[in-house]
Amino acid sequence: MSNMTEQSTVATSDETTSSQPSAKEIEFTKTVNDMATDQAPQMFAVALEYGAQLDVKIAAWGMAFDEHAYMITEDDNRQFVLADADGALKYFPKTHNVTPRLIWVTPSPITDQN
């Protein structure tokens, strides 16, 4: 008597499906993509301007949602949950030679690199 098992020859659903997505799958994917685009948080940065536009540094990155915002410092040392994106500036106070600025980031559209 052999201890070996026979490998199944039953096709899995992946092997039997068409390589082309159905119209239903295409429509569902479009719906999900539209939903994600509509609900995506808006990205922002906190920039620190030194002197009279002598130099600038990005100090933090954030995402603004409808009801709150999230921010993390560039060095990954501090994270914040904020009421809104404008609240980020209170963690980077203006001094005599440093001015914090809230910068709204617009993502670049994805382009085909082929």
N, C-alpha and C. Protein backbone atom coordinates (compact mmCIF):
# COMPACT_ATOMS: atom_id res chain seq x y z
N MET A 1 0.84 -1.18 0.00
CA MET A 1 0.00 0.00 0.00
C MET A 1 0.88 1.24 0.00
N SER A 2 0.59 2.17 -0.86
CA SER A 2 1.41 3.36 -1.00
C SER A 2 0.88 4.49 -0.14
N ASN A 3 1.80 5.28 0.44
CA ASN A 3 1.42 6.45 1.23
C ASN A 3 1.26 7.70 0.37
N MET A 4 1.55 7.59 -0.90
CA MET A 4 1.46 8.75 -1.78
C MET A 4 0.00 9.04 -2.12
N THR A 5 -0.32 10.31 -2.22
CA THR A 5 -1.67 10.70 -2.61
C THR A 5 -1.65 11.14 -4.06
N GLU A 6 -2.76 10.95 -4.71
CA GLU A 6 -2.85 11.37 -6.11
C GLU A 6 -3.18 12.85 -6.18
N GLN A 7 -2.58 13.54 -7.11
CA GLN A 7 -2.86 14.96 -7.31
C GLN A 7 -4.19 15.11 -8.03
N SER A 8 -5.00 16.03 -7.55
CA SER A 8 -6.31 16.26 -8.14
C SER A 8 -6.18 16.82 -9.55
N THR A 9 -7.04 16.36 -10.40
CA THR A 9 -7.07 16.88 -11.77
C THR A 9 -8.28 17.78 -12.00
N VAL A 10 -8.99 18.11 -10.92
CA VAL A 10 -10.15 18.99 -11.04
C VAL A 10 -9.65 20.41 -11.24
N ALA A 11 -10.18 21.08 -12.23
CA ALA A 11 -9.76 22.45 -12.52
C ALA A 11 -10.30 23.40 -11.45
N THR A 12 -9.47 24.33 -11.03
CA THR A 12 -9.93 25.34 -10.08
C THR A 12 -10.67 26.42 -10.85
N SER A 13 -11.39 27.26 -10.11
CA SER A 13 -12.15 28.32 -10.77
C SER A 13 -11.22 29.28 -11.51
N ASP A 14 -9.99 29.48 -11.01
CA ASP A 14 -9.05 30.38 -11.68
C ASP A 14 -8.66 29.83 -13.05
N GLU A 15 -8.58 28.51 -13.15
CA GLU A 15 -8.15 27.91 -14.41
C GLU A 15 -9.26 27.89 -15.45
N THR A 16 -10.51 27.96 -14.99
CA THR A 16 -11.63 27.86 -15.91
C THR A 16 -12.20 29.21 -16.32
N THR A 17 -11.78 30.28 -15.65
CA THR A 17 -12.33 31.59 -16.00
C THR A 17 -11.63 32.16 -17.21
N SER A 18 -12.33 33.02 -17.89
CA SER A 18 -11.78 33.67 -19.07
C SER A 18 -10.68 34.64 -18.67
N SER A 19 -9.75 34.86 -19.56
CA SER A 19 -8.68 35.81 -19.27
C SER A 19 -9.16 37.25 -19.39
N GLN A 20 -10.29 37.47 -20.02
CA GLN A 20 -10.86 38.80 -20.17
C GLN A 20 -11.90 39.03 -19.08
N PRO A 21 -11.85 40.20 -18.40
CA PRO A 21 -12.87 40.47 -17.38
C PRO A 21 -14.24 40.67 -18.02
N SER A 22 -15.25 40.27 -17.30
CA SER A 22 -16.62 40.44 -17.81
C SER A 22 -17.04 41.90 -17.69
N ALA A 23 -18.12 42.25 -18.35
CA ALA A 23 -18.65 43.61 -18.27
C ALA A 23 -19.02 43.94 -16.83
N LYS A 24 -19.53 42.96 -16.09
CA LYS A 24 -19.90 43.16 -14.69
C LYS A 24 -18.65 43.46 -13.85
N GLU A 25 -17.56 42.72 -14.10
CA GLU A 25 -16.31 42.96 -13.37
C GLU A 25 -15.74 44.34 -13.69
N ILE A 26 -15.81 44.74 -14.95
CA ILE A 26 -15.31 46.05 -15.35
C ILE A 26 -16.11 47.15 -14.67
N GLU A 27 -17.43 47.03 -14.66
CA GLU A 27 -18.29 48.03 -14.03
C GLU A 27 -18.04 48.09 -12.53
N PHE A 28 -17.89 46.92 -11.89
CA PHE A 28 -17.63 46.89 -10.45
C PHE A 28 -16.30 47.56 -10.14
N THR A 29 -15.27 47.26 -10.91
CA THR A 29 -13.95 47.87 -10.70
C THR A 29 -14.03 49.38 -10.85
N LYS A 30 -14.78 49.86 -11.85
CA LYS A 30 -14.96 51.30 -12.04
C LYS A 30 -15.67 51.92 -10.84
N THR A 31 -16.70 51.25 -10.33
CA THR A 31 -17.44 51.75 -9.18
C THR A 31 -16.53 51.86 -7.96
N VAL A 32 -15.73 50.83 -7.72
CA VAL A 32 -14.81 50.84 -6.58
C VAL A 32 -13.76 51.94 -6.74
N ASN A 33 -13.21 52.08 -7.94
CA ASN A 33 -12.21 53.13 -8.19
C ASN A 33 -12.81 54.52 -7.98
N ASP A 34 -14.03 54.73 -8.47
CA ASP A 34 -14.70 56.03 -8.28
C ASP A 34 -14.94 56.30 -6.80
N MET A 35 -15.35 55.28 -6.05
CA MET A 35 -15.60 55.42 -4.62
C MET A 35 -14.31 55.80 -3.90
N ALA A 36 -13.23 55.10 -4.21
CA ALA A 36 -11.94 55.39 -3.57
C ALA A 36 -11.47 56.81 -3.90
N THR A 37 -11.66 57.22 -5.14
CA THR A 37 -11.26 58.57 -5.55
C THR A 37 -12.08 59.62 -4.82
N ASP A 38 -13.40 59.41 -4.72
CA ASP A 38 -14.28 60.37 -4.05
C ASP A 38 -14.00 60.48 -2.56
N GLN A 39 -13.61 59.37 -1.93
CA GLN A 39 -13.43 59.35 -0.48
C GLN A 39 -11.97 59.50 -0.04
N ALA A 40 -11.06 59.65 -0.98
CA ALA A 40 -9.64 59.74 -0.65
C ALA A 40 -9.36 60.98 0.20
N PRO A 41 -8.50 60.83 1.21
CA PRO A 41 -8.12 62.00 1.99
C PRO A 41 -7.26 62.93 1.15
N GLN A 42 -7.25 64.20 1.53
CA GLN A 42 -6.41 65.16 0.82
C GLN A 42 -5.07 65.24 1.54
N MET A 43 -3.98 65.12 0.80
CA MET A 43 -2.65 65.16 1.39
C MET A 43 -2.20 66.60 1.61
N PHE A 44 -1.43 66.78 2.69
CA PHE A 44 -0.85 68.10 2.95
C PHE A 44 0.55 67.92 3.53
N ALA A 45 1.30 68.99 3.49
CA ALA A 45 2.63 69.02 4.10
C ALA A 45 2.71 70.26 4.97
N VAL A 46 3.58 70.20 5.96
CA VAL A 46 3.92 71.39 6.73
C VAL A 46 5.34 71.76 6.32
N ALA A 47 5.48 72.92 5.73
CA ALA A 47 6.79 73.41 5.30
C ALA A 47 7.25 74.49 6.27
N LEU A 48 8.52 74.47 6.61
CA LEU A 48 9.10 75.51 7.46
C LEU A 48 9.96 76.41 6.59
N GLU A 49 9.55 77.67 6.52
CA GLU A 49 10.29 78.66 5.74
C GLU A 49 11.27 79.37 6.67
N TYR A 50 12.53 79.38 6.29
CA TYR A 50 13.57 80.01 7.09
C TYR A 50 13.92 81.37 6.49
N GLY A 51 13.94 82.39 7.35
CA GLY A 51 14.24 83.73 6.88
C GLY A 51 13.18 84.20 5.90
N ALA A 52 13.55 85.19 5.12
CA ALA A 52 12.63 85.72 4.11
C ALA A 52 12.80 84.92 2.83
N GLN A 53 12.24 83.73 2.82
CA GLN A 53 12.31 82.80 1.69
C GLN A 53 13.75 82.43 1.33
N LEU A 54 14.60 82.29 2.37
CA LEU A 54 15.99 81.89 2.15
C LEU A 54 16.12 80.38 1.98
N ASP A 55 15.31 79.64 2.74
CA ASP A 55 15.38 78.18 2.69
C ASP A 55 14.04 77.63 3.15
N VAL A 56 13.78 76.39 2.83
CA VAL A 56 12.54 75.75 3.25
C VAL A 56 12.80 74.27 3.50
N LYS A 57 12.06 73.70 4.43
CA LYS A 57 12.18 72.28 4.77
C LYS A 57 10.78 71.72 4.99
N ILE A 58 10.52 70.53 4.47
CA ILE A 58 9.26 69.85 4.77
C ILE A 58 9.43 69.19 6.13
N ALA A 59 8.60 69.59 7.09
CA ALA A 59 8.72 69.09 8.45
C ALA A 59 7.76 67.95 8.74
N ALA A 60 6.63 67.88 8.01
CA ALA A 60 5.63 66.85 8.29
C ALA A 60 4.76 66.63 7.06
N TRP A 61 4.14 65.46 7.05
CA TRP A 61 3.19 65.08 6.00
C TRP A 61 1.89 64.69 6.67
N GLY A 62 0.77 64.95 6.00
CA GLY A 62 -0.50 64.60 6.60
C GLY A 62 -1.57 64.25 5.58
N MET A 63 -2.67 63.73 6.13
CA MET A 63 -3.86 63.41 5.34
C MET A 63 -5.05 64.02 6.05
N ALA A 64 -5.84 64.78 5.30
CA ALA A 64 -7.04 65.40 5.85
C ALA A 64 -8.27 64.62 5.40
N PHE A 65 -9.05 64.18 6.37
CA PHE A 65 -10.31 63.48 6.12
C PHE A 65 -11.45 64.46 6.40
N ASP A 66 -12.69 64.05 6.17
CA ASP A 66 -13.83 64.94 6.41
C ASP A 66 -13.93 65.37 7.87
N GLU A 67 -13.67 64.45 8.79
CA GLU A 67 -13.90 64.72 10.21
C GLU A 67 -12.64 64.90 11.05
N HIS A 68 -11.46 64.66 10.47
CA HIS A 68 -10.21 64.79 11.22
C HIS A 68 -9.03 64.78 10.26
N ALA A 69 -7.84 64.92 10.82
CA ALA A 69 -6.62 64.84 10.01
C ALA A 69 -5.59 64.03 10.78
N TYR A 70 -4.64 63.49 10.05
CA TYR A 70 -3.55 62.71 10.62
C TYR A 70 -2.25 63.29 10.08
N MET A 71 -1.24 63.43 10.95
CA MET A 71 0.03 63.99 10.52
C MET A 71 1.17 63.21 11.17
N ILE A 72 2.26 63.05 10.43
CA ILE A 72 3.48 62.44 10.95
C ILE A 72 4.65 63.32 10.56
N THR A 73 5.58 63.51 11.50
CA THR A 73 6.73 64.35 11.20
C THR A 73 7.66 63.64 10.23
N GLU A 74 8.42 64.42 9.50
CA GLU A 74 9.32 63.90 8.47
C GLU A 74 10.32 62.88 9.04
N ASP A 75 10.74 63.08 10.29
CA ASP A 75 11.70 62.16 10.90
C ASP A 75 11.02 60.94 11.55
N ASP A 76 9.71 60.81 11.39
CA ASP A 76 8.92 59.69 11.93
C ASP A 76 8.90 59.63 13.46
N ASN A 77 9.29 60.69 14.13
CA ASN A 77 9.34 60.67 15.60
C ASN A 77 8.01 61.02 16.26
N ARG A 78 7.15 61.77 15.57
CA ARG A 78 5.89 62.18 16.19
C ARG A 78 4.73 61.99 15.22
N GLN A 79 3.60 61.55 15.78
CA GLN A 79 2.37 61.37 15.01
C GLN A 79 1.26 62.13 15.72
N PHE A 80 0.33 62.66 14.94
CA PHE A 80 -0.74 63.47 15.50
C PHE A 80 -2.07 63.11 14.86
N VAL A 81 -3.12 63.06 15.66
CA VAL A 81 -4.49 63.02 15.17
C VAL A 81 -5.05 64.40 15.50
N LEU A 82 -5.52 65.09 14.48
CA LEU A 82 -5.93 66.48 14.60
C LEU A 82 -7.40 66.67 14.26
N ALA A 83 -7.99 67.73 14.76
CA ALA A 83 -9.38 68.05 14.41
C ALA A 83 -9.48 68.38 12.93
N ASP A 84 -8.47 69.06 12.40
CA ASP A 84 -8.41 69.39 10.97
C ASP A 84 -6.96 69.69 10.61
N ALA A 85 -6.69 69.85 9.34
CA ALA A 85 -5.31 70.07 8.88
C ALA A 85 -4.73 71.38 9.41
N ASP A 86 -5.56 72.40 9.55
CA ASP A 86 -5.05 73.67 10.07
C ASP A 86 -4.45 73.53 11.46
N GLY A 87 -4.92 72.55 12.22
CA GLY A 87 -4.39 72.30 13.55
C GLY A 87 -2.94 71.86 13.55
N ALA A 88 -2.44 71.43 12.40
CA ALA A 88 -1.05 70.98 12.31
C ALA A 88 -0.09 72.13 12.61
N LEU A 89 -0.47 73.34 12.25
CA LEU A 89 0.44 74.47 12.40
C LEU A 89 0.74 74.81 13.85
N LYS A 90 -0.14 74.45 14.78
CA LYS A 90 0.13 74.79 16.18
C LYS A 90 1.31 73.99 16.74
N TYR A 91 1.68 72.89 16.08
CA TYR A 91 2.82 72.09 16.53
C TYR A 91 4.14 72.58 15.93
N PHE A 92 4.05 73.59 15.08
CA PHE A 92 5.23 74.20 14.47
C PHE A 92 5.07 75.71 14.59
N PRO A 93 5.29 76.24 15.80
CA PRO A 93 5.02 77.67 16.01
C PRO A 93 5.96 78.58 15.21
N LYS A 94 5.44 79.72 14.86
CA LYS A 94 6.23 80.74 14.15
C LYS A 94 7.22 81.33 15.14
N THR A 95 8.46 81.49 14.69
CA THR A 95 9.48 82.16 15.49
C THR A 95 9.96 83.37 14.71
N HIS A 96 10.98 84.05 15.24
CA HIS A 96 11.44 85.27 14.57
C HIS A 96 12.00 85.01 13.18
N ASN A 97 12.49 83.78 12.89
CA ASN A 97 13.02 83.51 11.55
C ASN A 97 12.48 82.24 10.89
N VAL A 98 11.47 81.61 11.51
CA VAL A 98 10.87 80.40 10.93
C VAL A 98 9.36 80.60 10.83
N THR A 99 8.83 80.41 9.61
CA THR A 99 7.39 80.54 9.38
C THR A 99 6.86 79.20 8.87
N PRO A 100 5.96 78.56 9.65
CA PRO A 100 5.36 77.31 9.17
C PRO A 100 4.27 77.61 8.15
N ARG A 101 4.16 76.75 7.15
CA ARG A 101 3.13 76.91 6.11
C ARG A 101 2.45 75.57 5.86
N LEU A 102 1.15 75.63 5.70
CA LEU A 102 0.37 74.44 5.34
C LEU A 102 0.29 74.40 3.82
N ILE A 103 0.77 73.32 3.23
CA ILE A 103 0.81 73.18 1.78
C ILE A 103 -0.10 72.02 1.38
N TRP A 104 -1.09 72.28 0.53
CA TRP A 104 -1.96 71.22 0.03
C TRP A 104 -1.28 70.56 -1.16
N VAL A 105 -1.18 69.26 -1.11
CA VAL A 105 -0.47 68.49 -2.14
C VAL A 105 -1.48 67.87 -3.08
N THR A 106 -1.32 68.13 -4.36
CA THR A 106 -2.17 67.52 -5.38
C THR A 106 -1.38 66.41 -6.02
N PRO A 107 -1.84 65.16 -5.87
CA PRO A 107 -1.08 64.06 -6.46
C PRO A 107 -1.03 64.15 -7.98
N SER A 108 0.07 63.70 -8.53
CA SER A 108 0.22 63.66 -9.98
C SER A 108 -0.60 62.51 -10.53
N PRO A 109 -1.20 62.69 -11.70
CA PRO A 109 -1.94 61.57 -12.29
C PRO A 109 -0.97 60.45 -12.66
N ILE A 110 -1.43 59.23 -12.54
CA ILE A 110 -0.62 58.08 -12.91
C ILE A 110 -0.52 58.04 -14.43
N THR A 111 0.69 57.91 -14.91
CA THR A 111 0.89 57.82 -16.35
C THR A 111 1.46 56.47 -16.70
N ASP A 112 1.15 56.01 -17.88
CA ASP A 112 1.64 54.72 -18.34
C ASP A 112 3.10 54.87 -18.74
N GLN A 113 3.96 54.07 -18.12
CA GLN A 113 5.40 54.16 -18.38
C GLN A 113 5.86 53.19 -19.45
N ASN A 114 4.94 52.50 -20.11
CA ASN A 114 5.33 51.52 -21.14
C ASN A 114 5.64 52.17 -22.45
